[in-house]
């Protein structure tokens, strides 16, 4: 019989240390895979949400674009209406403004004016009510206007920023502001101010 002689020492390896390392590596790999899977599904859900938002925003953009096109067509219509109005009101306004300013009394101020198809609306400031009456008389006698309508006459104090209600300055006379509507004599204006 052959004797069993083993000259290599018998070493019992402790396999428990290597099993723990493999276990830790496998747990880390599973955690990493589960994290990647969670991120994948989260990204897919975000893509679905963003696709819905994109669709909603595109439909909103299309609605706003159609509203803008509608506004542009409305603006175009109002532009055409403006051109029609200008063609309708095709009288020279310079003689009218010159006449209005020439007939003003001393120390009066033409605050505003606006033209309609057949009339002029003006706002003038005066020092006294007598000046208002004189101006109405002058406008009535003017050949450029067939009718003078007084819309309103009101008074206002000039320079009352430092006075209180209990302090009245009787040396300051309130000024008058009057609104007029002047009906234009189109025949006289068309002839250039010649009868």
N, C-alpha and C. Protein backbone atom coordinates (compact mmCIF):
# COMPACT_ATOMS: atom_id res chain seq x y z
N UNK A 1 0.80 -1.13 0.00
CA UNK A 1 0.00 0.00 0.00
C UNK A 1 0.87 1.23 0.00
N UNK A 2 0.40 2.20 -0.54
CA UNK A 2 1.20 3.40 -0.69
C UNK A 2 0.74 4.33 0.43
N UNK A 3 1.70 4.74 1.08
CA UNK A 3 1.33 5.64 2.17
C UNK A 3 0.90 7.01 1.63
N UNK A 4 -0.05 7.64 2.28
CA UNK A 4 -0.57 8.96 1.89
C UNK A 4 0.20 10.00 2.67
N UNK A 5 1.15 10.50 1.99
CA UNK A 5 1.99 11.50 2.64
C UNK A 5 1.71 12.83 1.96
N UNK A 6 1.28 13.76 2.72
CA UNK A 6 0.99 15.09 2.21
C UNK A 6 1.95 16.03 2.88
N UNK A 7 2.87 16.53 2.11
CA UNK A 7 3.87 17.41 2.67
C UNK A 7 3.41 18.87 2.71
N UNK A 8 2.34 19.19 2.05
CA UNK A 8 1.82 20.55 2.06
C UNK A 8 0.92 20.65 3.29
N UNK A 9 1.17 21.66 4.02
CA UNK A 9 0.39 21.79 5.25
C UNK A 9 -1.10 22.00 4.93
N UNK A 10 -1.90 21.53 5.74
CA UNK A 10 -3.33 21.65 5.56
C UNK A 10 -3.80 22.98 6.15
N UNK A 11 -4.20 23.83 5.31
CA UNK A 11 -4.66 25.16 5.74
C UNK A 11 -6.16 25.22 5.52
N UNK A 12 -6.85 25.48 6.53
CA UNK A 12 -8.28 25.70 6.38
C UNK A 12 -8.51 27.18 6.11
N UNK A 13 -8.97 27.42 4.96
CA UNK A 13 -9.26 28.81 4.62
C UNK A 13 -10.58 29.20 5.29
N UNK A 14 -10.57 30.41 5.74
CA UNK A 14 -11.80 30.92 6.35
C UNK A 14 -12.62 31.54 5.23
N UNK A 15 -13.60 30.83 4.76
CA UNK A 15 -14.41 31.28 3.64
C UNK A 15 -15.44 32.33 4.05
N UNK A 16 -15.65 32.55 5.29
CA UNK A 16 -16.67 33.50 5.73
C UNK A 16 -16.29 34.94 5.37
N UNK A 17 -15.02 35.32 5.35
CA UNK A 17 -14.59 36.67 4.99
C UNK A 17 -14.85 36.96 3.53
N UNK A 18 -14.58 36.00 2.68
CA UNK A 18 -14.81 36.23 1.26
C UNK A 18 -16.30 36.23 0.94
N UNK A 19 -17.09 35.48 1.68
CA UNK A 19 -18.53 35.48 1.46
C UNK A 19 -19.12 36.85 1.81
N UNK A 20 -18.61 37.47 2.85
CA UNK A 20 -19.11 38.79 3.25
C UNK A 20 -18.79 39.83 2.17
N UNK A 21 -17.59 39.75 1.61
CA UNK A 21 -17.20 40.69 0.56
C UNK A 21 -18.10 40.50 -0.66
N UNK A 22 -18.33 39.24 -1.05
CA UNK A 22 -19.22 38.99 -2.18
C UNK A 22 -20.65 39.46 -1.89
N UNK A 23 -21.09 39.27 -0.68
CA UNK A 23 -22.42 39.70 -0.29
C UNK A 23 -22.55 41.23 -0.36
N UNK A 24 -21.54 41.94 0.12
CA UNK A 24 -21.55 43.41 0.08
C UNK A 24 -21.53 43.90 -1.37
N UNK A 25 -20.70 43.27 -2.20
CA UNK A 25 -20.62 43.68 -3.61
C UNK A 25 -21.94 43.41 -4.31
N UNK A 26 -22.57 42.27 -4.04
CA UNK A 26 -23.84 41.96 -4.70
C UNK A 26 -24.97 42.89 -4.21
N UNK A 27 -24.97 43.25 -2.93
CA UNK A 27 -25.98 44.20 -2.42
C UNK A 27 -25.78 45.57 -3.06
N UNK A 28 -24.53 46.01 -3.17
CA UNK A 28 -24.25 47.30 -3.81
C UNK A 28 -24.67 47.28 -5.27
N UNK A 29 -24.43 46.16 -5.96
CA UNK A 29 -24.82 46.06 -7.36
C UNK A 29 -26.35 46.10 -7.49
N UNK A 30 -27.06 45.41 -6.60
CA UNK A 30 -28.52 45.44 -6.63
C UNK A 30 -29.06 46.85 -6.34
N UNK A 31 -28.46 47.53 -5.38
CA UNK A 31 -28.88 48.91 -5.09
C UNK A 31 -28.64 49.82 -6.29
N UNK A 32 -27.50 49.64 -6.93
CA UNK A 32 -27.19 50.46 -8.11
C UNK A 32 -28.17 50.17 -9.24
N UNK A 33 -28.49 48.90 -9.46
CA UNK A 33 -29.45 48.54 -10.50
C UNK A 33 -30.85 49.07 -10.17
N UNK A 34 -31.24 48.98 -8.89
CA UNK A 34 -32.56 49.50 -8.53
C UNK A 34 -32.61 51.02 -8.67
N UNK A 35 -31.52 51.74 -8.35
CA UNK A 35 -31.45 53.19 -8.54
C UNK A 35 -31.57 53.54 -10.02
N UNK A 36 -30.86 52.82 -10.87
CA UNK A 36 -30.94 53.06 -12.31
C UNK A 36 -32.35 52.77 -12.84
N UNK A 37 -32.98 51.71 -12.36
CA UNK A 37 -34.34 51.39 -12.79
C UNK A 37 -35.31 52.48 -12.33
N UNK A 38 -35.16 52.96 -11.09
CA UNK A 38 -36.04 54.03 -10.58
C UNK A 38 -35.86 55.31 -11.41
N UNK A 39 -34.62 55.67 -11.74
CA UNK A 39 -34.37 56.86 -12.55
C UNK A 39 -34.96 56.70 -13.95
N UNK A 40 -34.88 55.51 -14.50
CA UNK A 40 -35.43 55.25 -15.82
C UNK A 40 -36.94 55.46 -15.83
N UNK A 41 -37.63 54.86 -14.86
CA UNK A 41 -39.08 55.01 -14.82
C UNK A 41 -39.50 56.44 -14.47
N UNK A 42 -38.72 57.11 -13.63
CA UNK A 42 -39.00 58.52 -13.31
C UNK A 42 -38.83 59.39 -14.56
N UNK A 43 -37.78 59.12 -15.34
CA UNK A 43 -37.55 59.89 -16.57
C UNK A 43 -38.68 59.63 -17.57
N UNK A 44 -39.16 58.41 -17.67
CA UNK A 44 -40.27 58.12 -18.58
C UNK A 44 -41.53 58.86 -18.15
N UNK A 45 -41.79 58.90 -16.84
CA UNK A 45 -42.96 59.63 -16.35
C UNK A 45 -42.82 61.12 -16.64
N UNK A 46 -41.61 61.67 -16.45
CA UNK A 46 -41.38 63.09 -16.75
C UNK A 46 -41.57 63.37 -18.23
N UNK A 47 -41.14 62.44 -19.07
CA UNK A 47 -41.30 62.61 -20.52
C UNK A 47 -42.79 62.65 -20.87
N UNK A 48 -43.59 61.80 -20.26
CA UNK A 48 -45.03 61.79 -20.53
C UNK A 48 -45.65 63.12 -20.09
N UNK A 49 -45.27 63.60 -18.90
CA UNK A 49 -45.82 64.87 -18.38
C UNK A 49 -45.40 66.03 -19.28
N UNK A 50 -44.12 66.06 -19.67
CA UNK A 50 -43.63 67.14 -20.52
C UNK A 50 -44.25 67.10 -21.91
N UNK A 51 -44.52 65.92 -22.41
CA UNK A 51 -45.19 65.81 -23.71
C UNK A 51 -46.60 66.38 -23.64
N UNK A 52 -47.31 66.09 -22.54
CA UNK A 52 -48.65 66.66 -22.36
C UNK A 52 -48.57 68.18 -22.25
N UNK A 53 -47.60 68.69 -21.48
CA UNK A 53 -47.44 70.15 -21.35
C UNK A 53 -47.11 70.79 -22.69
N UNK A 54 -46.25 70.12 -23.47
CA UNK A 54 -45.89 70.65 -24.78
C UNK A 54 -47.12 70.72 -25.68
N UNK A 55 -47.94 69.69 -25.65
CA UNK A 55 -49.16 69.68 -26.46
C UNK A 55 -50.10 70.80 -26.02
N UNK A 56 -50.24 70.99 -24.70
CA UNK A 56 -51.11 72.05 -24.19
C UNK A 56 -50.57 73.43 -24.58
N UNK A 57 -49.26 73.62 -24.47
CA UNK A 57 -48.66 74.90 -24.83
C UNK A 57 -48.77 75.17 -26.33
N UNK A 58 -48.63 74.13 -27.14
CA UNK A 58 -48.78 74.33 -28.58
C UNK A 58 -50.21 74.71 -28.94
N UNK A 59 -51.18 74.08 -28.28
CA UNK A 59 -52.58 74.46 -28.56
C UNK A 59 -52.86 75.87 -28.06
N UNK A 60 -52.27 76.25 -26.91
CA UNK A 60 -52.42 77.62 -26.41
C UNK A 60 -51.77 78.61 -27.38
N UNK A 61 -50.59 78.26 -27.90
CA UNK A 61 -49.92 79.12 -28.87
C UNK A 61 -50.76 79.29 -30.12
N UNK A 62 -51.37 78.19 -30.59
CA UNK A 62 -52.23 78.27 -31.77
C UNK A 62 -53.45 79.15 -31.51
N UNK A 63 -54.04 79.02 -30.30
CA UNK A 63 -55.18 79.88 -29.95
C UNK A 63 -54.78 81.34 -29.93
N UNK A 64 -53.62 81.64 -29.31
CA UNK A 64 -53.16 83.03 -29.25
C UNK A 64 -52.83 83.57 -30.64
N UNK A 65 -52.29 82.70 -31.48
CA UNK A 65 -51.98 83.12 -32.85
C UNK A 65 -53.25 83.43 -33.62
N UNK A 66 -54.29 82.62 -33.43
CA UNK A 66 -55.56 82.89 -34.10
C UNK A 66 -56.19 84.17 -33.55
N UNK A 67 -56.05 84.42 -32.24
CA UNK A 67 -56.55 85.68 -31.67
C UNK A 67 -55.79 86.87 -32.24
N UNK A 68 -54.48 86.72 -32.38
CA UNK A 68 -53.66 87.79 -32.95
C UNK A 68 -54.06 88.06 -34.40
N UNK A 69 -54.29 87.00 -35.15
CA UNK A 69 -54.74 87.18 -36.53
C UNK A 69 -56.10 87.88 -36.57
N UNK A 70 -56.98 87.51 -35.63
CA UNK A 70 -58.27 88.18 -35.54
C UNK A 70 -58.13 89.65 -35.19
N UNK A 71 -57.20 89.95 -34.27
CA UNK A 71 -56.97 91.35 -33.90
C UNK A 71 -56.38 92.12 -35.07
N UNK A 72 -55.49 91.49 -35.81
CA UNK A 72 -54.90 92.17 -36.97
C UNK A 72 -55.96 92.47 -38.01
N UNK A 73 -56.88 91.54 -38.21
CA UNK A 73 -57.94 91.81 -39.17
C UNK A 73 -58.88 92.90 -38.64
N UNK A 74 -59.10 92.93 -37.31
CA UNK A 74 -59.91 93.99 -36.71
C UNK A 74 -59.20 95.32 -36.84
N UNK A 75 -57.89 95.33 -36.59
CA UNK A 75 -57.12 96.55 -36.74
C UNK A 75 -57.14 97.01 -38.18
N UNK A 76 -57.08 96.07 -39.09
CA UNK A 76 -57.14 96.42 -40.51
C UNK A 76 -58.48 97.06 -40.82
N UNK A 77 -59.56 96.53 -40.24
CA UNK A 77 -60.88 97.12 -40.45
C UNK A 77 -60.94 98.51 -39.87
N UNK A 78 -60.37 98.71 -38.69
CA UNK A 78 -60.41 100.04 -38.11
C UNK A 78 -59.51 100.99 -38.90
N UNK A 79 -58.47 100.47 -39.51
CA UNK A 79 -57.63 101.30 -40.36
C UNK A 79 -58.42 101.74 -41.59
N UNK A 80 -59.17 100.82 -42.15
CA UNK A 80 -60.02 101.18 -43.29
C UNK A 80 -61.08 102.19 -42.87
N UNK A 81 -61.63 102.02 -41.67
CA UNK A 81 -62.61 102.98 -41.17
C UNK A 81 -61.96 104.34 -40.98
N UNK A 82 -60.72 104.35 -40.51
CA UNK A 82 -60.01 105.62 -40.33
C UNK A 82 -59.79 106.31 -41.67
N UNK A 83 -59.42 105.55 -42.67
CA UNK A 83 -59.22 106.14 -44.00
C UNK A 83 -60.55 106.68 -44.53
N UNK A 84 -61.64 105.94 -44.33
CA UNK A 84 -62.95 106.43 -44.75
C UNK A 84 -63.32 107.72 -44.03
N UNK A 85 -63.01 107.79 -42.73
CA UNK A 85 -63.31 109.00 -41.96
C UNK A 85 -62.50 110.18 -42.47
N UNK A 86 -61.21 109.94 -42.76
CA UNK A 86 -60.37 111.03 -43.26
C UNK A 86 -60.86 111.50 -44.62
N UNK A 87 -61.29 110.56 -45.46
CA UNK A 87 -61.83 110.95 -46.75
C UNK A 87 -63.15 111.70 -46.60
N UNK A 88 -63.95 111.30 -45.59
CA UNK A 88 -65.21 111.99 -45.33
C UNK A 88 -64.95 113.40 -44.81
N UNK A 89 -63.99 113.53 -43.91
CA UNK A 89 -63.65 114.83 -43.34
C UNK A 89 -62.47 115.36 -44.14
N UNK A 90 -62.74 115.76 -45.32
CA UNK A 90 -61.65 116.24 -46.18
C UNK A 90 -61.78 117.74 -46.39
N UNK A 91 -61.80 118.46 -45.30
CA UNK A 91 -61.82 119.91 -45.39
C UNK A 91 -60.56 120.45 -44.73
N UNK A 92 -60.11 121.62 -45.13
CA UNK A 92 -58.91 122.18 -44.52
C UNK A 92 -59.21 122.66 -43.10
N UNK A 93 -58.37 122.27 -42.17
CA UNK A 93 -58.61 122.64 -40.77
C UNK A 93 -57.83 123.88 -40.36
N UNK A 94 -56.81 124.23 -41.11
CA UNK A 94 -56.00 125.40 -40.74
C UNK A 94 -56.81 126.68 -40.70
N UNK A 95 -57.67 126.96 -41.69
CA UNK A 95 -58.47 128.20 -41.58
C UNK A 95 -59.38 128.20 -40.35
N UNK A 96 -59.89 127.03 -39.98
CA UNK A 96 -60.75 126.96 -38.80
C UNK A 96 -59.98 127.28 -37.53
N UNK A 97 -58.79 126.69 -37.39
CA UNK A 97 -57.98 126.96 -36.20
C UNK A 97 -57.56 128.41 -36.18
N UNK A 98 -57.18 128.94 -37.33
CA UNK A 98 -56.80 130.36 -37.38
C UNK A 98 -57.97 131.25 -36.97
N UNK A 99 -59.18 130.94 -37.44
CA UNK A 99 -60.36 131.73 -37.10
C UNK A 99 -60.67 131.64 -35.60
N UNK A 100 -60.57 130.42 -35.05
CA UNK A 100 -60.84 130.23 -33.62
C UNK A 100 -59.86 131.02 -32.78
N UNK A 101 -58.59 131.00 -33.14
CA UNK A 101 -57.58 131.73 -32.37
C UNK A 101 -57.66 133.24 -32.60
N UNK A 102 -58.02 133.66 -33.79
CA UNK A 102 -58.10 135.09 -34.07
C UNK A 102 -59.25 135.73 -33.30
N UNK A 103 -60.34 135.00 -33.10
CA UNK A 103 -61.50 135.54 -32.42
C UNK A 103 -61.38 135.51 -30.90
N UNK A 104 -60.33 134.88 -30.37
CA UNK A 104 -60.16 134.82 -28.92
C UNK A 104 -59.90 136.21 -28.35
N UNK A 105 -60.39 136.41 -27.14
CA UNK A 105 -60.15 137.67 -26.45
C UNK A 105 -58.75 137.66 -25.86
N UNK A 106 -58.32 138.81 -25.35
CA UNK A 106 -57.01 138.87 -24.70
C UNK A 106 -57.03 138.01 -23.44
N UNK A 107 -55.91 137.43 -23.12
CA UNK A 107 -55.73 136.59 -21.93
C UNK A 107 -56.65 135.37 -21.93
N UNK A 108 -56.90 134.81 -23.09
CA UNK A 108 -57.63 133.55 -23.17
C UNK A 108 -56.69 132.50 -23.75
N UNK A 109 -57.03 131.24 -23.50
CA UNK A 109 -56.13 130.14 -23.88
C UNK A 109 -56.95 129.00 -24.47
N UNK A 110 -56.60 128.59 -25.68
CA UNK A 110 -57.24 127.45 -26.33
C UNK A 110 -56.61 126.18 -25.77
N UNK A 111 -57.35 125.50 -24.91
CA UNK A 111 -56.81 124.33 -24.20
C UNK A 111 -56.82 123.08 -25.07
N UNK A 112 -57.91 122.82 -25.78
CA UNK A 112 -57.97 121.61 -26.62
C UNK A 112 -58.99 121.81 -27.74
N UNK A 113 -58.86 121.00 -28.78
CA UNK A 113 -59.82 121.01 -29.88
C UNK A 113 -59.83 119.63 -30.51
N UNK A 114 -60.99 119.27 -31.07
CA UNK A 114 -61.12 118.01 -31.80
C UNK A 114 -62.13 118.21 -32.92
N UNK A 115 -61.88 117.54 -34.03
CA UNK A 115 -62.70 117.70 -35.22
C UNK A 115 -63.57 116.47 -35.43
N UNK A 116 -64.82 116.71 -35.78
CA UNK A 116 -65.74 115.67 -36.21
C UNK A 116 -66.02 115.89 -37.69
N UNK A 117 -66.95 115.13 -38.23
CA UNK A 117 -67.27 115.27 -39.65
C UNK A 117 -67.88 116.62 -39.97
N UNK A 118 -68.69 117.17 -39.05
CA UNK A 118 -69.38 118.42 -39.34
C UNK A 118 -69.18 119.48 -38.27
N UNK A 119 -68.36 119.22 -37.26
CA UNK A 119 -68.23 120.20 -36.17
C UNK A 119 -66.83 120.16 -35.58
N UNK A 120 -66.57 121.18 -34.76
CA UNK A 120 -65.32 121.28 -34.02
C UNK A 120 -65.68 121.45 -32.55
N UNK A 121 -65.06 120.67 -31.68
CA UNK A 121 -65.26 120.82 -30.24
C UNK A 121 -64.00 121.46 -29.67
N UNK A 122 -64.17 122.56 -28.92
CA UNK A 122 -63.02 123.26 -28.36
C UNK A 122 -63.25 123.52 -26.88
N UNK A 123 -62.14 123.66 -26.15
CA UNK A 123 -62.15 124.06 -24.75
C UNK A 123 -61.23 125.26 -24.62
N UNK A 124 -61.77 126.35 -24.07
CA UNK A 124 -61.03 127.61 -23.98
C UNK A 124 -61.12 128.12 -22.55
N UNK A 125 -59.99 128.66 -22.03
CA UNK A 125 -59.95 129.28 -20.70
C UNK A 125 -60.03 130.79 -20.86
N UNK A 126 -60.85 131.44 -20.01
CA UNK A 126 -61.03 132.89 -20.03
C UNK A 126 -60.80 133.46 -18.64
N UNK A 127 -60.60 134.79 -18.57
CA UNK A 127 -60.45 135.45 -17.28
C UNK A 127 -61.79 135.76 -16.65
N UNK A 128 -62.76 136.20 -17.44
CA UNK A 128 -64.06 136.59 -16.88
C UNK A 128 -65.19 136.01 -17.72
N UNK A 129 -66.39 136.08 -17.16
CA UNK A 129 -67.57 135.62 -17.91
C UNK A 129 -67.89 136.57 -19.06
N UNK A 130 -67.53 137.84 -18.92
CA UNK A 130 -67.74 138.77 -20.03
C UNK A 130 -66.91 138.36 -21.25
N UNK A 131 -65.68 137.85 -21.00
CA UNK A 131 -64.85 137.37 -22.11
C UNK A 131 -65.51 136.17 -22.80
N UNK A 132 -66.15 135.31 -22.01
CA UNK A 132 -66.86 134.16 -22.59
C UNK A 132 -67.99 134.65 -23.49
N UNK A 133 -68.76 135.63 -23.00
CA UNK A 133 -69.88 136.15 -23.79
C UNK A 133 -69.38 136.83 -25.06
N UNK A 134 -68.28 137.59 -24.96
CA UNK A 134 -67.73 138.25 -26.15
C UNK A 134 -67.26 137.22 -27.18
N UNK A 135 -66.65 136.14 -26.70
CA UNK A 135 -66.14 135.10 -27.60
C UNK A 135 -67.31 134.39 -28.30
N UNK A 136 -68.38 134.12 -27.56
CA UNK A 136 -69.56 133.49 -28.17
C UNK A 136 -70.14 134.41 -29.25
N UNK A 137 -70.19 135.69 -28.96
CA UNK A 137 -70.69 136.66 -29.95
C UNK A 137 -69.82 136.68 -31.20
N UNK A 138 -68.50 136.65 -31.01
CA UNK A 138 -67.58 136.65 -32.16
C UNK A 138 -67.73 135.39 -32.99
N UNK A 139 -67.86 134.24 -32.32
CA UNK A 139 -68.02 132.98 -33.05
C UNK A 139 -69.35 132.94 -33.80
N UNK A 140 -70.39 133.49 -33.21
CA UNK A 140 -71.70 133.51 -33.87
C UNK A 140 -71.66 134.36 -35.12
N UNK A 141 -70.90 135.45 -35.09
CA UNK A 141 -70.80 136.34 -36.25
C UNK A 141 -69.81 135.85 -37.30
N UNK A 142 -69.05 134.80 -36.99
CA UNK A 142 -68.07 134.27 -37.94
C UNK A 142 -68.77 133.53 -39.07
N UNK A 143 -68.26 133.69 -40.27
CA UNK A 143 -68.85 133.03 -41.44
C UNK A 143 -68.48 131.56 -41.52
N UNK A 144 -67.46 131.12 -40.79
CA UNK A 144 -67.02 129.72 -40.84
C UNK A 144 -67.97 128.79 -40.09
N UNK A 145 -68.78 129.33 -39.18
CA UNK A 145 -69.61 128.49 -38.32
C UNK A 145 -71.07 128.87 -38.47
N UNK A 146 -71.93 127.85 -38.59
CA UNK A 146 -73.36 128.11 -38.70
C UNK A 146 -74.04 128.11 -37.34
N UNK A 147 -73.47 127.42 -36.35
CA UNK A 147 -74.08 127.34 -35.03
C UNK A 147 -72.98 127.22 -33.99
N UNK A 148 -73.19 127.89 -32.85
CA UNK A 148 -72.26 127.81 -31.72
C UNK A 148 -73.04 127.27 -30.54
N UNK A 149 -72.62 126.12 -30.03
CA UNK A 149 -73.29 125.50 -28.88
C UNK A 149 -72.33 125.51 -27.70
N UNK A 150 -72.79 126.03 -26.57
CA UNK A 150 -71.98 126.05 -25.35
C UNK A 150 -72.34 124.80 -24.56
N UNK A 151 -71.37 123.90 -24.40
CA UNK A 151 -71.61 122.66 -23.65
C UNK A 151 -71.58 122.91 -22.16
N UNK A 152 -70.55 123.63 -21.69
CA UNK A 152 -70.44 123.91 -20.26
C UNK A 152 -69.52 125.09 -20.04
N UNK A 153 -69.77 125.79 -18.93
CA UNK A 153 -68.90 126.87 -18.46
C UNK A 153 -68.69 126.62 -16.98
N UNK A 154 -67.44 126.52 -16.56
CA UNK A 154 -67.14 126.31 -15.15
C UNK A 154 -65.96 127.18 -14.76
N UNK A 155 -65.83 127.41 -13.46
CA UNK A 155 -64.71 128.25 -13.02
C UNK A 155 -63.70 127.41 -12.25
N UNK A 156 -62.48 127.89 -12.22
CA UNK A 156 -61.41 127.25 -11.46
C UNK A 156 -60.49 128.33 -10.94
N UNK A 157 -59.88 128.06 -9.78
CA UNK A 157 -58.96 129.02 -9.18
C UNK A 157 -57.56 128.74 -9.69
N UNK A 158 -56.85 129.80 -9.92
CA UNK A 158 -55.48 129.69 -10.42
C UNK A 158 -54.53 129.88 -9.26
N UNK A 159 -53.66 128.93 -9.01
CA UNK A 159 -52.62 129.06 -7.99
C UNK A 159 -53.14 128.92 -6.58
N UNK A 160 -53.93 127.89 -6.28
CA UNK A 160 -54.45 127.69 -4.92
C UNK A 160 -53.69 126.59 -4.19
N UNK A 161 -52.44 126.40 -4.52
CA UNK A 161 -51.72 125.29 -3.90
C UNK A 161 -51.31 125.57 -2.47
N UNK A 162 -51.14 126.84 -2.04
CA UNK A 162 -50.67 127.15 -0.70
C UNK A 162 -51.78 127.65 0.22
N UNK A 163 -52.99 127.79 -0.25
CA UNK A 163 -54.06 128.31 0.59
C UNK A 163 -54.90 127.17 1.12
N UNK A 164 -55.43 127.38 2.32
CA UNK A 164 -56.34 126.39 2.90
C UNK A 164 -57.76 126.88 2.69
N UNK A 165 -58.74 126.05 3.07
CA UNK A 165 -60.13 126.43 2.85
C UNK A 165 -60.54 127.60 3.73
N UNK A 166 -59.93 127.71 4.91
CA UNK A 166 -60.32 128.82 5.79
C UNK A 166 -59.72 130.14 5.33
N UNK A 167 -58.66 130.06 4.56
CA UNK A 167 -58.03 131.28 4.04
C UNK A 167 -58.52 131.53 2.62
N UNK A 168 -59.31 132.54 2.43
CA UNK A 168 -59.78 132.92 1.11
C UNK A 168 -59.02 134.16 0.68
N UNK A 169 -58.49 134.11 -0.53
CA UNK A 169 -57.81 135.28 -1.08
C UNK A 169 -58.80 135.96 -2.02
N UNK A 170 -59.34 137.10 -1.57
CA UNK A 170 -60.37 137.78 -2.34
C UNK A 170 -59.77 138.61 -3.47
N UNK A 171 -58.45 138.66 -3.56
CA UNK A 171 -57.81 139.38 -4.66
C UNK A 171 -57.69 138.52 -5.91
N UNK A 172 -57.88 137.20 -5.77
CA UNK A 172 -57.77 136.28 -6.90
C UNK A 172 -59.16 136.04 -7.47
N UNK A 173 -59.32 136.34 -8.73
CA UNK A 173 -60.59 136.13 -9.42
C UNK A 173 -60.52 134.76 -10.10
N UNK A 174 -61.52 133.91 -9.89
CA UNK A 174 -61.47 132.60 -10.55
C UNK A 174 -61.59 132.74 -12.06
N UNK A 175 -60.90 131.88 -12.75
CA UNK A 175 -60.95 131.88 -14.22
C UNK A 175 -62.06 130.96 -14.69
N UNK A 176 -62.46 131.15 -15.93
CA UNK A 176 -63.57 130.39 -16.50
C UNK A 176 -63.02 129.46 -17.60
N UNK A 177 -63.53 128.26 -17.63
CA UNK A 177 -63.23 127.36 -18.75
C UNK A 177 -64.55 126.98 -19.41
N UNK A 178 -64.57 127.04 -20.73
CA UNK A 178 -65.81 126.81 -21.47
C UNK A 178 -65.58 125.78 -22.57
N UNK A 179 -66.57 124.93 -22.75
CA UNK A 179 -66.54 123.92 -23.81
C UNK A 179 -67.57 124.31 -24.87
N UNK A 180 -67.13 124.36 -26.12
CA UNK A 180 -67.99 124.77 -27.23
C UNK A 180 -68.02 123.68 -28.28
N UNK A 181 -69.15 123.60 -28.98
CA UNK A 181 -69.26 122.78 -30.18
C UNK A 181 -69.65 123.73 -31.31
N UNK A 182 -68.80 123.81 -32.31
CA UNK A 182 -69.00 124.75 -33.42
C UNK A 182 -69.37 123.96 -34.67
N UNK A 183 -70.54 124.22 -35.23
CA UNK A 183 -70.98 123.54 -36.45
C UNK A 183 -70.38 124.29 -37.64
N UNK A 184 -69.68 123.55 -38.49
CA UNK A 184 -68.91 124.15 -39.59
C UNK A 184 -69.83 124.44 -40.78
N UNK A 185 -69.66 125.61 -41.38
CA UNK A 185 -70.33 125.94 -42.63
C UNK A 185 -69.45 125.39 -43.76
N UNK A 186 -69.81 124.20 -44.24
CA UNK A 186 -68.96 123.51 -45.21
C UNK A 186 -68.90 124.23 -46.54
N UNK A 187 -69.96 124.89 -46.92
CA UNK A 187 -69.96 125.64 -48.19
C UNK A 187 -68.98 126.80 -48.14
N UNK A 188 -68.99 127.54 -47.04
CA UNK A 188 -68.08 128.67 -46.90
C UNK A 188 -66.63 128.19 -46.82
N UNK A 189 -66.42 127.07 -46.10
CA UNK A 189 -65.07 126.53 -45.96
C UNK A 189 -64.57 125.97 -47.29
N UNK A 190 -65.45 125.37 -48.09
CA UNK A 190 -65.05 124.79 -49.37
C UNK A 190 -64.61 125.86 -50.36
N UNK A 191 -65.19 127.05 -50.25
CA UNK A 191 -64.80 128.13 -51.17
C UNK A 191 -63.54 128.84 -50.70
N UNK A 192 -62.99 128.40 -49.59
CA UNK A 192 -61.75 129.01 -49.10
C UNK A 192 -61.99 130.28 -48.32
N UNK A 193 -63.17 130.45 -47.76
CA UNK A 193 -63.47 131.62 -46.96
C UNK A 193 -63.98 132.78 -47.78
N UNK A 194 -64.44 132.51 -48.99
CA UNK A 194 -64.98 133.56 -49.86
C UNK A 194 -66.44 133.24 -50.13
N UNK A 195 -67.33 134.23 -49.95
CA UNK A 195 -68.76 133.99 -50.18
C UNK A 195 -69.11 134.16 -51.62
